[in-house]
Amino acid sequence: MSYLFAIVGVVVLGNFYFLYSRNKKNRKSAKTIKDEQMATMKRHHDMKNRLAHEHEDAERRVELRNKTLEMYHQVRTDYAEDTLNDQ
């Protein structure tokens, strides 16, 4: 009878060991997945910020280019008026 209890005890302990080791693997993979998700979210946030800054910079460059072209046009028209008035 004691052999029967010993066999049942070994089987129960073996089951607990297998459940624990499987759960350990699942927890480790869940942690890895969570870390990967956090890294992905950080990359996404960084990329979104970089694109927003690039967009703002592009808008600023277009605005400065338009002002420069407007100033060139103004200088040309002023020069044209001055040359007409001098003649």
N, C-alpha and C. Protein backbone atom coordinates (compact mmCIF):
# COMPACT_ATOMS: atom_id res chain seq x y z
N MET A 1 0.81 -1.19 0.00
CA MET A 1 0.00 0.00 0.00
C MET A 1 0.87 1.27 0.00
N SER A 2 1.99 1.22 0.72
CA SER A 2 2.86 2.39 0.76
C SER A 2 3.49 2.64 -0.61
N TYR A 3 3.69 1.56 -1.40
CA TYR A 3 4.21 1.75 -2.76
C TYR A 3 3.22 2.52 -3.62
N LEU A 4 1.95 2.23 -3.40
CA LEU A 4 0.90 2.91 -4.15
C LEU A 4 0.91 4.40 -3.83
N PHE A 5 1.03 4.75 -2.54
CA PHE A 5 1.10 6.16 -2.15
C PHE A 5 2.36 6.82 -2.70
N ALA A 6 3.45 6.08 -2.72
CA ALA A 6 4.71 6.62 -3.25
C ALA A 6 4.57 6.90 -4.74
N ILE A 7 3.96 5.95 -5.46
CA ILE A 7 3.78 6.14 -6.92
C ILE A 7 2.86 7.32 -7.18
N VAL A 8 1.74 7.41 -6.45
CA VAL A 8 0.80 8.52 -6.62
C VAL A 8 1.51 9.84 -6.26
N GLY A 9 2.31 9.82 -5.20
CA GLY A 9 3.04 11.03 -4.81
C GLY A 9 4.02 11.47 -5.88
N VAL A 10 4.75 10.52 -6.47
CA VAL A 10 5.69 10.85 -7.54
C VAL A 10 4.95 11.40 -8.75
N VAL A 11 3.82 10.80 -9.09
CA VAL A 11 3.03 11.28 -10.23
C VAL A 11 2.51 12.69 -9.96
N VAL A 12 2.02 12.93 -8.75
CA VAL A 12 1.50 14.25 -8.41
C VAL A 12 2.63 15.29 -8.44
N LEU A 13 3.78 14.93 -7.83
CA LEU A 13 4.91 15.86 -7.86
C LEU A 13 5.40 16.10 -9.29
N GLY A 14 5.40 15.06 -10.11
CA GLY A 14 5.78 15.21 -11.52
C GLY A 14 4.83 16.15 -12.25
N ASN A 15 3.54 16.01 -12.00
CA ASN A 15 2.56 16.91 -12.63
C ASN A 15 2.78 18.36 -12.20
N PHE A 16 3.01 18.54 -10.89
CA PHE A 16 3.27 19.90 -10.41
C PHE A 16 4.53 20.48 -11.06
N TYR A 17 5.56 19.66 -11.21
CA TYR A 17 6.79 20.11 -11.84
C TYR A 17 6.55 20.52 -13.29
N PHE A 18 5.83 19.67 -14.03
CA PHE A 18 5.55 19.99 -15.44
C PHE A 18 4.68 21.23 -15.56
N LEU A 19 3.68 21.36 -14.71
CA LEU A 19 2.84 22.56 -14.74
C LEU A 19 3.65 23.81 -14.41
N TYR A 20 4.53 23.69 -13.41
CA TYR A 20 5.36 24.83 -13.03
C TYR A 20 6.31 25.21 -14.17
N SER A 21 6.95 24.24 -14.77
CA SER A 21 7.90 24.56 -15.85
C SER A 21 7.18 25.14 -17.06
N ARG A 22 6.02 24.61 -17.39
CA ARG A 22 5.24 25.15 -18.52
C ARG A 22 4.80 26.57 -18.21
N ASN A 23 4.34 26.79 -16.98
CA ASN A 23 3.90 28.13 -16.58
C ASN A 23 5.08 29.10 -16.59
N LYS A 24 6.25 28.63 -16.21
CA LYS A 24 7.45 29.46 -16.22
C LYS A 24 7.78 29.90 -17.65
N LYS A 25 7.67 28.97 -18.61
CA LYS A 25 7.92 29.32 -20.01
C LYS A 25 6.89 30.32 -20.51
N ASN A 26 5.63 30.10 -20.14
CA ASN A 26 4.57 31.02 -20.58
C ASN A 26 4.78 32.41 -19.99
N ARG A 27 5.19 32.48 -18.72
CA ARG A 27 5.44 33.79 -18.11
C ARG A 27 6.62 34.48 -18.79
N LYS A 28 7.64 33.70 -19.10
CA LYS A 28 8.82 34.28 -19.76
C LYS A 28 8.45 34.79 -21.16
N SER A 29 7.68 34.02 -21.91
CA SER A 29 7.29 34.46 -23.25
C SER A 29 6.34 35.64 -23.16
N ALA A 30 5.47 35.66 -22.14
CA ALA A 30 4.56 36.80 -21.97
C ALA A 30 5.36 38.06 -21.65
N LYS A 31 6.40 37.92 -20.85
CA LYS A 31 7.25 39.08 -20.52
C LYS A 31 7.97 39.56 -21.77
N THR A 32 8.46 38.62 -22.58
CA THR A 32 9.14 38.98 -23.82
C THR A 32 8.19 39.71 -24.76
N ILE A 33 6.98 39.20 -24.88
CA ILE A 33 5.98 39.83 -25.75
C ILE A 33 5.66 41.23 -25.23
N LYS A 34 5.51 41.37 -23.92
CA LYS A 34 5.21 42.68 -23.35
C LYS A 34 6.36 43.65 -23.60
N ASP A 35 7.60 43.18 -23.45
CA ASP A 35 8.76 44.04 -23.71
C ASP A 35 8.80 44.46 -25.17
N GLU A 36 8.50 43.52 -26.08
CA GLU A 36 8.49 43.85 -27.51
C GLU A 36 7.39 44.86 -27.82
N GLN A 37 6.23 44.70 -27.19
CA GLN A 37 5.14 45.66 -27.41
C GLN A 37 5.53 47.04 -26.91
N MET A 38 6.18 47.10 -25.76
CA MET A 38 6.61 48.40 -25.23
C MET A 38 7.64 49.04 -26.16
N ALA A 39 8.57 48.23 -26.67
CA ALA A 39 9.59 48.76 -27.60
C ALA A 39 8.93 49.26 -28.88
N THR A 40 7.95 48.51 -29.37
CA THR A 40 7.23 48.92 -30.58
C THR A 40 6.47 50.22 -30.34
N MET A 41 5.83 50.34 -29.19
CA MET A 41 5.10 51.57 -28.87
C MET A 41 6.06 52.76 -28.77
N LYS A 42 7.23 52.54 -28.20
CA LYS A 42 8.22 53.61 -28.08
C LYS A 42 8.71 54.04 -29.46
N ARG A 43 9.00 53.04 -30.34
CA ARG A 43 9.42 53.38 -31.70
C ARG A 43 8.33 54.15 -32.43
N HIS A 44 7.08 53.72 -32.25
CA HIS A 44 5.96 54.39 -32.89
C HIS A 44 5.85 55.84 -32.40
N HIS A 45 5.97 56.03 -31.10
CA HIS A 45 5.88 57.37 -30.53
C HIS A 45 7.03 58.25 -31.04
N ASP A 46 8.23 57.69 -31.06
CA ASP A 46 9.39 58.45 -31.55
C ASP A 46 9.23 58.82 -33.03
N MET A 47 8.74 57.86 -33.82
CA MET A 47 8.55 58.12 -35.25
C MET A 47 7.47 59.18 -35.46
N LYS A 48 6.40 59.10 -34.67
CA LYS A 48 5.33 60.08 -34.79
C LYS A 48 5.84 61.48 -34.45
N ASN A 49 6.65 61.58 -33.39
CA ASN A 49 7.22 62.88 -33.03
C ASN A 49 8.17 63.39 -34.10
N ARG A 50 9.01 62.49 -34.64
CA ARG A 50 9.95 62.90 -35.68
C ARG A 50 9.21 63.40 -36.92
N LEU A 51 8.16 62.69 -37.32
CA LEU A 51 7.40 63.12 -38.49
C LEU A 51 6.71 64.46 -38.24
N ALA A 52 6.21 64.66 -37.02
CA ALA A 52 5.57 65.94 -36.69
C ALA A 52 6.59 67.07 -36.77
N HIS A 53 7.80 66.84 -36.26
CA HIS A 53 8.84 67.88 -36.33
C HIS A 53 9.26 68.13 -37.77
N GLU A 54 9.38 67.08 -38.56
CA GLU A 54 9.74 67.26 -39.97
C GLU A 54 8.66 68.03 -40.71
N HIS A 55 7.40 67.76 -40.38
CA HIS A 55 6.29 68.46 -41.01
C HIS A 55 6.33 69.95 -40.65
N GLU A 56 6.56 70.25 -39.37
CA GLU A 56 6.66 71.64 -38.95
C GLU A 56 7.84 72.34 -39.64
N ASP A 57 8.96 71.63 -39.73
CA ASP A 57 10.14 72.20 -40.39
C ASP A 57 9.85 72.46 -41.87
N ALA A 58 9.16 71.53 -42.52
CA ALA A 58 8.83 71.70 -43.93
C ALA A 58 7.90 72.90 -44.12
N GLU A 59 6.92 73.05 -43.24
CA GLU A 59 6.02 74.21 -43.32
C GLU A 59 6.80 75.52 -43.16
N ARG A 60 7.74 75.53 -42.23
CA ARG A 60 8.54 76.72 -41.99
C ARG A 60 9.40 77.04 -43.22
N ARG A 61 9.98 76.02 -43.82
CA ARG A 61 10.80 76.24 -45.02
C ARG A 61 9.97 76.79 -46.17
N VAL A 62 8.76 76.25 -46.35
CA VAL A 62 7.89 76.74 -47.42
C VAL A 62 7.52 78.19 -47.16
N GLU A 63 7.21 78.50 -45.90
CA GLU A 63 6.86 79.88 -45.56
C GLU A 63 8.03 80.82 -45.82
N LEU A 64 9.23 80.43 -45.42
CA LEU A 64 10.41 81.27 -45.67
C LEU A 64 10.70 81.41 -47.16
N ARG A 65 10.52 80.31 -47.92
CA ARG A 65 10.75 80.38 -49.36
C ARG A 65 9.76 81.34 -50.01
N ASN A 66 8.51 81.27 -49.60
CA ASN A 66 7.50 82.17 -50.18
C ASN A 66 7.81 83.62 -49.84
N LYS A 67 8.25 83.88 -48.60
CA LYS A 67 8.62 85.25 -48.24
C LYS A 67 9.81 85.73 -49.06
N THR A 68 10.79 84.84 -49.26
CA THR A 68 11.97 85.19 -50.06
C THR A 68 11.57 85.51 -51.49
N LEU A 69 10.72 84.67 -52.08
CA LEU A 69 10.27 84.92 -53.45
C LEU A 69 9.48 86.22 -53.53
N GLU A 70 8.69 86.51 -52.52
CA GLU A 70 7.94 87.75 -52.50
C GLU A 70 8.88 88.95 -52.42
N MET A 71 9.94 88.82 -51.61
CA MET A 71 10.92 89.91 -51.52
C MET A 71 11.65 90.09 -52.85
N TYR A 72 12.03 88.99 -53.51
CA TYR A 72 12.68 89.09 -54.83
C TYR A 72 11.76 89.81 -55.82
N HIS A 73 10.49 89.43 -55.79
CA HIS A 73 9.53 90.07 -56.70
C HIS A 73 9.43 91.56 -56.39
N GLN A 74 9.40 91.91 -55.12
CA GLN A 74 9.30 93.31 -54.73
C GLN A 74 10.53 94.09 -55.19
N VAL A 75 11.71 93.49 -55.02
CA VAL A 75 12.94 94.16 -55.45
C VAL A 75 12.94 94.35 -56.97
N ARG A 76 12.50 93.34 -57.70
CA ARG A 76 12.45 93.46 -59.18
C ARG A 76 11.48 94.56 -59.61
N THR A 77 10.32 94.60 -58.98
CA THR A 77 9.34 95.63 -59.37
C THR A 77 9.85 97.02 -58.99
N ASP A 78 10.49 97.13 -57.82
CA ASP A 78 11.05 98.44 -57.43
C ASP A 78 12.14 98.87 -58.41
N TYR A 79 12.99 97.94 -58.80
CA TYR A 79 14.05 98.25 -59.76
C TYR A 79 13.46 98.65 -61.11
N ALA A 80 12.43 97.94 -61.52
CA ALA A 80 11.80 98.25 -62.81
C ALA A 80 11.18 99.64 -62.75
N GLU A 81 10.55 99.98 -61.65
CA GLU A 81 9.93 101.32 -61.51
C GLU A 81 11.01 102.40 -61.48
N ASP A 82 12.12 102.11 -60.78
CA ASP A 82 13.21 103.10 -60.73
C ASP A 82 13.82 103.32 -62.11
N THR A 83 13.99 102.28 -62.87
CA THR A 83 14.59 102.46 -64.21
C THR A 83 13.64 103.17 -65.14
N LEU A 84 12.32 102.95 -64.97
CA LEU A 84 11.35 103.69 -65.80
C LEU A 84 11.32 105.15 -65.42
N ASN A 85 11.40 105.45 -64.14
CA ASN A 85 11.37 106.84 -63.68
C ASN A 85 12.63 107.60 -64.05
N ASP A 86 13.77 106.91 -64.13
CA ASP A 86 15.03 107.57 -64.49
C ASP A 86 15.07 107.93 -65.98
N GLN A 87 14.33 107.28 -66.80
CA GLN A 87 14.39 107.54 -68.25
C GLN A 87 13.54 108.66 -68.64
